[in-house]
All heavy atoms as atom14 arrays in JSON, in Angstrom:
{
  "sequence": "VKVFQYGFEKIIELEKDEIEVADFIEYGKMFSELKVTSNVKYEILPA",
  "atom14_mask": [
    [1, 1, 1, 1, 1, 1, 1, 0, 0, 0, 0, 0, 0, 0],
    [1, 1, 1, 1, 1, 1, 1, 1, 1, 0, 0, 0, 0, 0],
    [1, 1, 1, 1, 1, 1, 1, 0, 0, 0, 0, 0, 0, 0],
    [1, 1, 1, 1, 1, 1, 1, 1, 1, 1, 1, 0, 0, 0],
    [1, 1, 1, 1, 1, 1, 1, 1, 1, 0, 0, 0, 0, 0],
    [1, 1, 1, 1, 1, 1, 1, 1, 1, 1, 1, 1, 0, 0],
    [1, 1, 1, 1, 0, 0, 0, 0, 0, 0, 0, 0, 0, 0],
    [1, 1, 1, 1, 1, 1, 1, 1, 1, 1, 1, 0, 0, 0],
    [1, 1, 1, 1, 1, 1, 1, 1, 1, 0, 0, 0, 0, 0],
    [1, 1, 1, 1, 1, 1, 1, 1, 1, 0, 0, 0, 0, 0],
    [1, 1, 1, 1, 1, 1, 1, 1, 0, 0, 0, 0, 0, 0],
    [1, 1, 1, 1, 1, 1, 1, 1, 0, 0, 0, 0, 0, 0],
    [1, 1, 1, 1, 1, 1, 1, 1, 1, 0, 0, 0, 0, 0],
    [1, 1, 1, 1, 1, 1, 1, 1, 0, 0, 0, 0, 0, 0],
    [1, 1, 1, 1, 1, 1, 1, 1, 1, 0, 0, 0, 0, 0],
    [1, 1, 1, 1, 1, 1, 1, 1, 1, 0, 0, 0, 0, 0],
    [1, 1, 1, 1, 1, 1, 1, 1, 0, 0, 0, 0, 0, 0],
    [1, 1, 1, 1, 1, 1, 1, 1, 1, 0, 0, 0, 0, 0],
    [1, 1, 1, 1, 1, 1, 1, 1, 0, 0, 0, 0, 0, 0],
    [1, 1, 1, 1, 1, 1, 1, 1, 1, 0, 0, 0, 0, 0],
    [1, 1, 1, 1, 1, 1, 1, 0, 0, 0, 0, 0, 0, 0],
    [1, 1, 1, 1, 1, 0, 0, 0, 0, 0, 0, 0, 0, 0],
    [1, 1, 1, 1, 1, 1, 1, 1, 0, 0, 0, 0, 0, 0],
    [1, 1, 1, 1, 1, 1, 1, 1, 1, 1, 1, 0, 0, 0],
    [1, 1, 1, 1, 1, 1, 1, 1, 0, 0, 0, 0, 0, 0],
    [1, 1, 1, 1, 1, 1, 1, 1, 1, 0, 0, 0, 0, 0],
    [1, 1, 1, 1, 1, 1, 1, 1, 1, 1, 1, 1, 0, 0],
    [1, 1, 1, 1, 0, 0, 0, 0, 0, 0, 0, 0, 0, 0],
    [1, 1, 1, 1, 1, 1, 1, 1, 1, 0, 0, 0, 0, 0],
    [1, 1, 1, 1, 1, 1, 1, 1, 0, 0, 0, 0, 0, 0],
    [1, 1, 1, 1, 1, 1, 1, 1, 1, 1, 1, 0, 0, 0],
    [1, 1, 1, 1, 1, 1, 0, 0, 0, 0, 0, 0, 0, 0],
    [1, 1, 1, 1, 1, 1, 1, 1, 1, 0, 0, 0, 0, 0],
    [1, 1, 1, 1, 1, 1, 1, 1, 0, 0, 0, 0, 0, 0],
    [1, 1, 1, 1, 1, 1, 1, 1, 1, 0, 0, 0, 0, 0],
    [1, 1, 1, 1, 1, 1, 1, 0, 0, 0, 0, 0, 0, 0],
    [1, 1, 1, 1, 1, 1, 1, 0, 0, 0, 0, 0, 0, 0],
    [1, 1, 1, 1, 1, 1, 0, 0, 0, 0, 0, 0, 0, 0],
    [1, 1, 1, 1, 1, 1, 1, 1, 0, 0, 0, 0, 0, 0],
    [1, 1, 1, 1, 1, 1, 1, 0, 0, 0, 0, 0, 0, 0],
    [1, 1, 1, 1, 1, 1, 1, 1, 1, 0, 0, 0, 0, 0],
    [1, 1, 1, 1, 1, 1, 1, 1, 1, 1, 1, 1, 0, 0],
    [1, 1, 1, 1, 1, 1, 1, 1, 1, 0, 0, 0, 0, 0],
    [1, 1, 1, 1, 1, 1, 1, 1, 0, 0, 0, 0, 0, 0],
    [1, 1, 1, 1, 1, 1, 1, 1, 0, 0, 0, 0, 0, 0],
    [1, 1, 1, 1, 1, 1, 1, 0, 0, 0, 0, 0, 0, 0],
    [1, 1, 1, 1, 1, 0, 0, 0, 0, 0, 0, 0, 0, 0]
  ],
  "atom14_positions": [
    [[0.86, -1.18, 0.0], [0.0, 0.0, 0.0], [0.89, 1.23, 0.0], [1.78, 1.36, 0.86], [-0.93, 0.03, 1.23], [-1.72, 1.34, 1.26], [-1.86, -1.16, 1.23], [0.0, 0.0, 0.0], [0.0, 0.0, 0.0], [0.0, 0.0, 0.0], [0.0, 0.0, 0.0], [0.0, 0.0, 0.0], [0.0, 0.0, 0.0], [0.0, 0.0, 0.0]],
    [[0.67, 2.12, -0.97], [1.46, 3.35, -1.02], [0.69, 4.48, -0.33], [-0.52, 4.62, -0.5], [1.75, 3.75, -2.47], [2.72, 2.81, -3.16], [3.04, 3.31, -4.56], [4.04, 2.39, -5.25], [4.39, 2.86, -6.61], [0.0, 0.0, 0.0], [0.0, 0.0, 0.0], [0.0, 0.0, 0.0], [0.0, 0.0, 0.0], [0.0, 0.0, 0.0]],
    [[1.39, 5.23, 0.46], [0.8, 6.38, 1.15], [1.51, 7.63, 0.66], [2.73, 7.75, 0.8], [0.95, 6.26, 2.68], [0.27, 7.45, 3.36], [0.38, 4.94, 3.17], [0.0, 0.0, 0.0], [0.0, 0.0, 0.0], [0.0, 0.0, 0.0], [0.0, 0.0, 0.0], [0.0, 0.0, 0.0], [0.0, 0.0, 0.0], [0.0, 0.0, 0.0]],
    [[0.74, 8.53, 0.04], [1.32, 9.75, -0.54], [0.83, 10.95, 0.25], [-0.36, 11.05, 0.56], [0.9, 9.88, -2.0], [1.48, 11.09, -2.69], [2.74, 11.04, -3.26], [0.76, 12.27, -2.75], [3.27, 12.16, -3.89], [1.28, 13.39, -3.38], [2.54, 13.33, -3.96], [0.0, 0.0, 0.0], [0.0, 0.0, 0.0], [0.0, 0.0, 0.0]],
    [[1.76, 11.87, 0.6], [1.4, 13.06, 1.37], [2.0, 14.29, 0.7], [3.2, 14.33, 0.4], [1.9, 12.95, 2.81], [1.37, 14.05, 3.71], [1.85, 13.86, 5.14], [3.0, 13.49, 5.37], [0.98, 14.11, 6.1], [0.0, 0.0, 0.0], [0.0, 0.0, 0.0], [0.0, 0.0, 0.0], [0.0, 0.0, 0.0], [0.0, 0.0, 0.0]],
    [[1.14, 15.29, 0.46], [1.6, 16.53, -0.15], [2.35, 17.38, 0.86], [2.07, 17.33, 2.06], [0.43, 17.34, -0.71], [-0.22, 16.72, -1.93], [-1.43, 16.05, -1.82], [0.39, 16.82, -3.17], [-2.03, 15.48, -2.94], [-0.2, 16.26, -4.28], [-1.4, 15.59, -4.17], [-1.98, 15.03, -5.27], [0.0, 0.0, 0.0], [0.0, 0.0, 0.0]],
    [[3.23, 18.21, 0.33], [3.9, 19.2, 1.16], [3.3, 20.57, 0.89], [2.13, 20.68, 0.5], [0.0, 0.0, 0.0], [0.0, 0.0, 0.0], [0.0, 0.0, 0.0], [0.0, 0.0, 0.0], [0.0, 0.0, 0.0], [0.0, 0.0, 0.0], [0.0, 0.0, 0.0], [0.0, 0.0, 0.0], [0.0, 0.0, 0.0], [0.0, 0.0, 0.0]],
    [[4.1, 21.61, 1.07], [3.63, 22.97, 0.86], [4.1, 23.53, -0.48], [3.88, 24.7, -0.78], [4.09, 23.88, 2.01], [3.47, 23.49, 3.32], [4.13, 22.64, 4.2], [2.22, 23.96, 3.67], [3.55, 22.27, 5.41], [1.63, 23.61, 4.88], [2.29, 22.75, 5.75], [0.0, 0.0, 0.0], [0.0, 0.0, 0.0], [0.0, 0.0, 0.0]],
    [[4.73, 22.71, -1.28], [5.17, 23.12, -2.62], [3.95, 23.46, -3.48], [2.92, 22.78, -3.42], [5.96, 21.99, -3.26], [6.48, 22.3, -4.66], [7.18, 21.1, -5.26], [7.0, 19.98, -4.75], [7.89, 21.29, -6.26], [0.0, 0.0, 0.0], [0.0, 0.0, 0.0], [0.0, 0.0, 0.0], [0.0, 0.0, 0.0], [0.0, 0.0, 0.0]],
    [[4.06, 24.5, -4.27], [2.95, 24.89, -5.15], [2.82, 23.86, -6.28], [3.8, 23.58, -6.98], [3.19, 26.28, -5.72], [3.11, 27.38, -4.65], [3.28, 28.76, -5.25], [3.13, 29.83, -4.17], [3.29, 31.18, -4.72], [0.0, 0.0, 0.0], [0.0, 0.0, 0.0], [0.0, 0.0, 0.0], [0.0, 0.0, 0.0], [0.0, 0.0, 0.0]],
    [[1.61, 23.33, -6.42], [1.42, 22.27, -7.42], [0.05, 22.4, -8.08], [-0.87, 23.0, -7.55], [1.53, 20.86, -6.79], [0.39, 20.64, -5.77], [2.87, 20.6, -6.18], [0.19, 19.2, -5.41], [0.0, 0.0, 0.0], [0.0, 0.0, 0.0], [0.0, 0.0, 0.0], [0.0, 0.0, 0.0], [0.0, 0.0, 0.0], [0.0, 0.0, 0.0]],
    [[-0.05, 21.82, -9.27], [-1.31, 21.48, -9.92], [-1.15, 20.02, -10.34], [-0.37, 19.71, -11.24], [-1.6, 22.36, -11.16], [-1.7, 23.83, -10.78], [-2.87, 21.89, -11.85], [-1.88, 24.76, -11.97], [0.0, 0.0, 0.0], [0.0, 0.0, 0.0], [0.0, 0.0, 0.0], [0.0, 0.0, 0.0], [0.0, 0.0, 0.0], [0.0, 0.0, 0.0]],
    [[-1.83, 19.13, -9.64], [-1.67, 17.69, -9.87], [-2.95, 17.13, -10.49], [-4.04, 17.24, -9.91], [-1.38, 16.98, -8.55], [-0.9, 15.57, -8.7], [0.54, 15.49, -9.2], [1.34, 16.4, -8.92], [0.84, 14.51, -9.89], [0.0, 0.0, 0.0], [0.0, 0.0, 0.0], [0.0, 0.0, 0.0], [0.0, 0.0, 0.0], [0.0, 0.0, 0.0]],
    [[-2.84, 16.56, -11.7], [-3.97, 15.96, -12.38], [-4.02, 14.47, -12.07], [-3.0, 13.78, -12.13], [-3.88, 16.17, -13.89], [-3.68, 17.61, -14.4], [-3.7, 17.63, -15.92], [-4.73, 18.54, -13.83], [0.0, 0.0, 0.0], [0.0, 0.0, 0.0], [0.0, 0.0, 0.0], [0.0, 0.0, 0.0], [0.0, 0.0, 0.0], [0.0, 0.0, 0.0]],
    [[-5.21, 14.0, -11.75], [-5.37, 12.57, -11.48], [-4.97, 11.74, -12.69], [-4.36, 10.67, -12.56], [-6.83, 12.29, -11.12], [-7.13, 10.83, -10.8], [-8.61, 10.6, -10.54], [-9.44, 11.39, -11.04], [-8.94, 9.62, -9.86], [0.0, 0.0, 0.0], [0.0, 0.0, 0.0], [0.0, 0.0, 0.0], [0.0, 0.0, 0.0], [0.0, 0.0, 0.0]],
    [[-5.31, 12.23, -13.89], [-4.94, 11.57, -15.15], [-4.53, 12.62, -16.15], [-5.06, 13.74, -16.15], [-6.12, 10.77, -15.71], [-6.61, 9.64, -14.81], [-7.81, 8.95, -15.44], [-8.34, 7.84, -14.55], [-9.55, 7.19, -15.15], [0.0, 0.0, 0.0], [0.0, 0.0, 0.0], [0.0, 0.0, 0.0], [0.0, 0.0, 0.0], [0.0, 0.0, 0.0]],
    [[-3.6, 12.26, -17.01], [-3.21, 13.17, -18.09], [-4.12, 13.03, -19.3], [-4.15, 13.9, -20.17], [-1.76, 12.9, -18.53], [-0.77, 13.19, -17.42], [-1.07, 14.07, -16.6], [0.28, 12.53, -17.37], [0.0, 0.0, 0.0], [0.0, 0.0, 0.0], [0.0, 0.0, 0.0], [0.0, 0.0, 0.0], [0.0, 0.0, 0.0], [0.0, 0.0, 0.0]],
    [[-4.86, 11.92, -19.34], [-5.7, 11.64, -20.5], [-6.9, 10.8, -20.09], [-6.79, 9.9, -19.25], [-4.88, 10.88, -21.56], [-5.61, 10.56, -22.83], [-4.73, 9.85, -23.83], [-3.69, 10.42, -24.24], [-5.07, 8.71, -24.21], [0.0, 0.0, 0.0], [0.0, 0.0, 0.0], [0.0, 0.0, 0.0], [0.0, 0.0, 0.0], [0.0, 0.0, 0.0]],
    [[-8.05, 11.11, -20.68], [-9.27, 10.33, -20.46], [-9.87, 10.01, -21.82], [-9.93, 10.88, -22.7], [-10.3, 11.09, -19.6], [-9.79, 11.24, -18.16], [-11.65, 10.38, -19.6], [-10.73, 12.01, -17.25], [0.0, 0.0, 0.0], [0.0, 0.0, 0.0], [0.0, 0.0, 0.0], [0.0, 0.0, 0.0], [0.0, 0.0, 0.0], [0.0, 0.0, 0.0]],
    [[-10.31, 8.78, -21.99], [-10.95, 8.37, -23.24], [-12.44, 8.12, -22.98], [-12.8, 7.47, -22.0], [-10.3, 7.09, -23.79], [-10.85, 6.68, -25.14], [-10.1, 5.49, -25.72], [-10.46, 4.34, -25.39], [-9.15, 5.72, -26.5], [0.0, 0.0, 0.0], [0.0, 0.0, 0.0], [0.0, 0.0, 0.0], [0.0, 0.0, 0.0], [0.0, 0.0, 0.0]],
    [[-13.28, 8.67, -23.85], [-14.73, 8.52, -23.71], [-15.3, 7.93, -25.0], [-14.67, 7.96, -26.05], [-15.4, 9.88, -23.4], [-14.93, 10.42, -22.07], [-15.14, 10.89, -24.52], [0.0, 0.0, 0.0], [0.0, 0.0, 0.0], [0.0, 0.0, 0.0], [0.0, 0.0, 0.0], [0.0, 0.0, 0.0], [0.0, 0.0, 0.0], [0.0, 0.0, 0.0]],
    [[-16.55, 7.42, -24.9], [-17.21, 6.8, -26.04], [-17.82, 7.87, -26.95], [-17.97, 9.03, -26.57], [-18.29, 5.84, -25.56], [0.0, 0.0, 0.0], [0.0, 0.0, 0.0], [0.0, 0.0, 0.0], [0.0, 0.0, 0.0], [0.0, 0.0, 0.0], [0.0, 0.0, 0.0], [0.0, 0.0, 0.0], [0.0, 0.0, 0.0], [0.0, 0.0, 0.0]],
    [[-18.2, 7.46, -28.17], [-18.81, 8.4, -29.13], [-20.18, 8.86, -28.63], [-20.61, 9.96, -28.93], [-18.94, 7.75, -30.51], [-19.81, 6.48, -30.47], [-19.62, 5.68, -29.54], [-20.64, 6.29, -31.36], [0.0, 0.0, 0.0], [0.0, 0.0, 0.0], [0.0, 0.0, 0.0], [0.0, 0.0, 0.0], [0.0, 0.0, 0.0], [0.0, 0.0, 0.0]],
    [[-20.86, 7.99, -27.86], [-22.15, 8.36, -27.31], [-22.37, 7.64, -25.99], [-22.06, 6.45, -25.85], [-23.3, 8.0, -28.26], [-24.66, 8.19, -27.66], [-25.21, 9.46, -27.56], [-25.39, 7.11, -27.17], [-26.46, 9.65, -26.99], [-26.65, 7.3, -26.6], [-27.17, 8.57, -26.51], [0.0, 0.0, 0.0], [0.0, 0.0, 0.0], [0.0, 0.0, 0.0]],
    [[-22.88, 8.36, -25.0], [-23.28, 7.78, -23.72], [-24.72, 8.22, -23.49], [-25.17, 9.22, -24.04], [-22.37, 8.26, -22.57], [-20.9, 8.05, -22.92], [-22.7, 7.55, -21.27], [-19.93, 8.61, -21.91], [0.0, 0.0, 0.0], [0.0, 0.0, 0.0], [0.0, 0.0, 0.0], [0.0, 0.0, 0.0], [0.0, 0.0, 0.0], [0.0, 0.0, 0.0]],
    [[-25.44, 7.5, -22.7], [-26.83, 7.83, -22.42], [-26.97, 9.3, -22.05], [-26.13, 9.87, -21.34], [-27.33, 6.95, -21.27], [-28.78, 7.17, -20.91], [-29.2, 6.32, -19.71], [-28.44, 5.41, -19.35], [-30.27, 6.59, -19.16], [0.0, 0.0, 0.0], [0.0, 0.0, 0.0], [0.0, 0.0, 0.0], [0.0, 0.0, 0.0], [0.0, 0.0, 0.0]],
    [[-28.04, 9.95, -22.57], [-28.25, 11.37, -22.29], [-28.27, 11.65, -20.79], [-28.81, 10.88, -20.0], [-29.56, 11.86, -22.92], [-29.4, 12.2, -24.38], [-30.08, 11.5, -25.35], [-28.55, 13.23, -24.77], [-29.92, 11.8, -26.69], [-28.38, 13.54, -26.1], [-29.07, 12.83, -27.05], [-28.9, 13.13, -28.38], [0.0, 0.0, 0.0], [0.0, 0.0, 0.0]],
    [[-27.64, 12.74, -20.41], [-27.48, 13.07, -19.01], [-26.15, 12.59, -18.47], [-25.76, 12.95, -17.36], [0.0, 0.0, 0.0], [0.0, 0.0, 0.0], [0.0, 0.0, 0.0], [0.0, 0.0, 0.0], [0.0, 0.0, 0.0], [0.0, 0.0, 0.0], [0.0, 0.0, 0.0], [0.0, 0.0, 0.0], [0.0, 0.0, 0.0], [0.0, 0.0, 0.0]],
    [[-25.45, 11.76, -19.26], [-24.16, 11.21, -18.82], [-23.06, 11.52, -19.83], [-22.0, 10.89, -19.8], [-24.28, 9.7, -18.62], [-25.3, 9.3, -17.57], [-25.37, 7.79, -17.4], [-26.41, 7.4, -16.35], [-26.51, 5.93, -16.18], [0.0, 0.0, 0.0], [0.0, 0.0, 0.0], [0.0, 0.0, 0.0], [0.0, 0.0, 0.0], [0.0, 0.0, 0.0]],
    [[-23.3, 12.5, -20.69], [-22.31, 12.86, -21.69], [-21.28, 13.81, -21.08], [-21.1, 14.95, -21.53], [-23.0, 13.51, -22.89], [-23.9, 12.58, -23.68], [-22.99, 11.39, -24.68], [-22.34, 12.45, -25.95], [0.0, 0.0, 0.0], [0.0, 0.0, 0.0], [0.0, 0.0, 0.0], [0.0, 0.0, 0.0], [0.0, 0.0, 0.0], [0.0, 0.0, 0.0]],
    [[-20.59, 13.34, -20.05], [-19.55, 14.15, -19.42], [-18.55, 13.22, -18.73], [-18.82, 12.04, -18.49], [-20.15, 15.13, -18.4], [-20.76, 14.48, -17.19], [-19.98, 14.23, -16.06], [-22.09, 14.11, -17.17], [-20.53, 13.62, -14.94], [-22.66, 13.51, -16.06], [-21.87, 13.26, -14.94], [0.0, 0.0, 0.0], [0.0, 0.0, 0.0], [0.0, 0.0, 0.0]],
    [[-17.4, 13.78, -18.4], [-16.38, 13.06, -17.64], [-15.79, 14.03, -16.63], [-15.68, 15.24, -16.89], [-15.29, 12.54, -18.58], [-14.32, 11.8, -17.86], [0.0, 0.0, 0.0], [0.0, 0.0, 0.0], [0.0, 0.0, 0.0], [0.0, 0.0, 0.0], [0.0, 0.0, 0.0], [0.0, 0.0, 0.0], [0.0, 0.0, 0.0], [0.0, 0.0, 0.0]],
    [[-15.42, 13.52, -15.44], [-14.87, 14.37, -14.39], [-13.41, 14.03, -14.14], [-13.0, 12.86, -14.19], [-15.67, 14.21, -13.1], [-17.07, 14.82, -13.19], [-17.84, 14.75, -11.89], [-17.61, 13.78, -11.12], [-18.66, 15.64, -11.63], [0.0, 0.0, 0.0], [0.0, 0.0, 0.0], [0.0, 0.0, 0.0], [0.0, 0.0, 0.0], [0.0, 0.0, 0.0]],
    [[-12.63, 15.06, -13.86], [-11.2, 14.91, -13.6], [-10.89, 15.47, -12.21], [-11.28, 16.6, -11.89], [-10.39, 15.66, -14.66], [-8.88, 15.7, -14.46], [-8.28, 14.3, -14.68], [-8.24, 16.71, -15.42], [0.0, 0.0, 0.0], [0.0, 0.0, 0.0], [0.0, 0.0, 0.0], [0.0, 0.0, 0.0], [0.0, 0.0, 0.0], [0.0, 0.0, 0.0]],
    [[-10.19, 14.69, -11.39], [-9.78, 15.15, -10.06], [-8.49, 15.97, -10.19], [-7.5, 15.5, -10.77], [-9.56, 13.96, -9.13], [-9.14, 14.35, -7.72], [-8.92, 13.11, -6.87], [-8.4, 13.46, -5.48], [-8.14, 12.25, -4.68], [0.0, 0.0, 0.0], [0.0, 0.0, 0.0], [0.0, 0.0, 0.0], [0.0, 0.0, 0.0], [0.0, 0.0, 0.0]],
    [[-8.52, 17.19, -9.68], [-7.36, 18.08, -9.74], [-7.02, 18.51, -8.32], [-7.88, 19.02, -7.59], [-7.66, 19.33, -10.6], [-6.43, 20.23, -10.67], [-8.11, 18.92, -12.0], [0.0, 0.0, 0.0], [0.0, 0.0, 0.0], [0.0, 0.0, 0.0], [0.0, 0.0, 0.0], [0.0, 0.0, 0.0], [0.0, 0.0, 0.0], [0.0, 0.0, 0.0]],
    [[-5.79, 18.29, -7.91], [-5.32, 18.7, -6.58], [-4.37, 19.88, -6.74], [-3.41, 19.8, -7.52], [-4.61, 17.54, -5.87], [-5.51, 16.41, -5.82], [-4.22, 17.92, -4.46], [0.0, 0.0, 0.0], [0.0, 0.0, 0.0], [0.0, 0.0, 0.0], [0.0, 0.0, 0.0], [0.0, 0.0, 0.0], [0.0, 0.0, 0.0], [0.0, 0.0, 0.0]],
    [[-4.62, 20.96, -6.0], [-3.77, 22.15, -6.16], [-3.83, 23.01, -4.91], [-4.73, 22.88, -4.08], [-4.23, 22.96, -7.37], [-5.5, 23.53, -7.11], [0.0, 0.0, 0.0], [0.0, 0.0, 0.0], [0.0, 0.0, 0.0], [0.0, 0.0, 0.0], [0.0, 0.0, 0.0], [0.0, 0.0, 0.0], [0.0, 0.0, 0.0], [0.0, 0.0, 0.0]],
    [[-2.85, 23.9, -4.82], [-2.86, 24.95, -3.79], [-2.55, 26.3, -4.42], [-1.99, 27.18, -3.77], [-1.88, 24.62, -2.66], [-0.47, 24.37, -3.18], [-0.23, 24.41, -4.39], [0.47, 24.12, -2.28], [0.0, 0.0, 0.0], [0.0, 0.0, 0.0], [0.0, 0.0, 0.0], [0.0, 0.0, 0.0], [0.0, 0.0, 0.0], [0.0, 0.0, 0.0]],
    [[-2.89, 26.42, -5.69], [-2.74, 27.68, -6.42], [-4.02, 27.93, -7.21], [-4.82, 27.03, -7.45], [-1.53, 27.64, -7.39], [-0.23, 27.44, -6.64], [-1.72, 26.55, -8.45], [0.0, 0.0, 0.0], [0.0, 0.0, 0.0], [0.0, 0.0, 0.0], [0.0, 0.0, 0.0], [0.0, 0.0, 0.0], [0.0, 0.0, 0.0], [0.0, 0.0, 0.0]],
    [[-4.18, 29.17, -7.64], [-5.27, 29.48, -8.56], [-4.84, 29.13, -9.98], [-3.68, 29.31, -10.34], [-5.64, 30.97, -8.47], [-6.3, 31.36, -7.15], [-6.7, 32.83, -7.17], [-7.39, 33.22, -5.86], [-7.8, 34.64, -5.87], [0.0, 0.0, 0.0], [0.0, 0.0, 0.0], [0.0, 0.0, 0.0], [0.0, 0.0, 0.0], [0.0, 0.0, 0.0]],
    [[-5.81, 28.65, -10.78], [-5.45, 28.28, -12.15], [-6.64, 28.52, -13.08], [-7.79, 28.63, -12.65], [-5.0, 26.83, -12.23], [-6.03, 25.81, -11.78], [-7.02, 25.36, -12.64], [-6.01, 25.31, -10.48], [-7.97, 24.44, -12.23], [-6.96, 24.39, -10.05], [-7.94, 23.95, -10.94], [-8.87, 23.04, -10.52], [0.0, 0.0, 0.0], [0.0, 0.0, 0.0]],
    [[-6.33, 28.6, -14.37], [-7.35, 28.67, -15.41], [-7.18, 27.49, -16.34], [-6.09, 26.89, -16.39], [-7.23, 29.98, -16.19], [-5.88, 30.18, -16.88], [-5.76, 31.51, -17.58], [-6.79, 32.21, -17.71], [-4.64, 31.87, -18.02], [0.0, 0.0, 0.0], [0.0, 0.0, 0.0], [0.0, 0.0, 0.0], [0.0, 0.0, 0.0], [0.0, 0.0, 0.0]],
    [[-8.26, 27.14, -17.05], [-8.21, 26.01, -17.98], [-8.42, 26.55, -19.38], [-9.49, 27.08, -19.7], [-9.29, 24.96, -17.63], [-9.16, 24.54, -16.17], [-9.19, 23.75, -18.54], [-10.3, 23.65, -15.69], [0.0, 0.0, 0.0], [0.0, 0.0, 0.0], [0.0, 0.0, 0.0], [0.0, 0.0, 0.0], [0.0, 0.0, 0.0], [0.0, 0.0, 0.0]],
    [[-7.4, 26.43, -20.22], [-7.43, 27.03, -21.55], [-7.46, 25.94, -22.62], [-6.7, 24.96, -22.54], [-6.19, 27.9, -21.76], [-5.98, 29.02, -20.73], [-4.64, 29.71, -20.98], [-7.1, 30.03, -20.82], [0.0, 0.0, 0.0], [0.0, 0.0, 0.0], [0.0, 0.0, 0.0], [0.0, 0.0, 0.0], [0.0, 0.0, 0.0], [0.0, 0.0, 0.0]],
    [[-8.32, 26.08, -23.65], [-8.3, 25.12, -24.76], [-7.03, 25.31, -25.59], [-6.61, 26.44, -25.85], [-9.55, 25.47, -25.56], [-9.84, 26.9, -25.22], [-9.36, 27.11, -23.81], [0.0, 0.0, 0.0], [0.0, 0.0, 0.0], [0.0, 0.0, 0.0], [0.0, 0.0, 0.0], [0.0, 0.0, 0.0], [0.0, 0.0, 0.0], [0.0, 0.0, 0.0]],
    [[-6.42, 24.21, -25.99], [-5.19, 24.3, -26.77], [-5.46, 24.67, -28.22], [-4.59, 25.23, -28.9], [-4.43, 22.97, -26.7], [0.0, 0.0, 0.0], [0.0, 0.0, 0.0], [0.0, 0.0, 0.0], [0.0, 0.0, 0.0], [0.0, 0.0, 0.0], [0.0, 0.0, 0.0], [0.0, 0.0, 0.0], [0.0, 0.0, 0.0], [0.0, 0.0, 0.0]]
  ]
}
């Protein structure tokens, strides 16, 4: 069992770098969630 503990270093940590979704999911479920751990303010910009 690995135990990970953050320090006070400024970080933006993404649970995953990539997520793959299907071409269609049942209506109401056409979304995916990403866990982001941080201690700074950030913006999300389309590439």
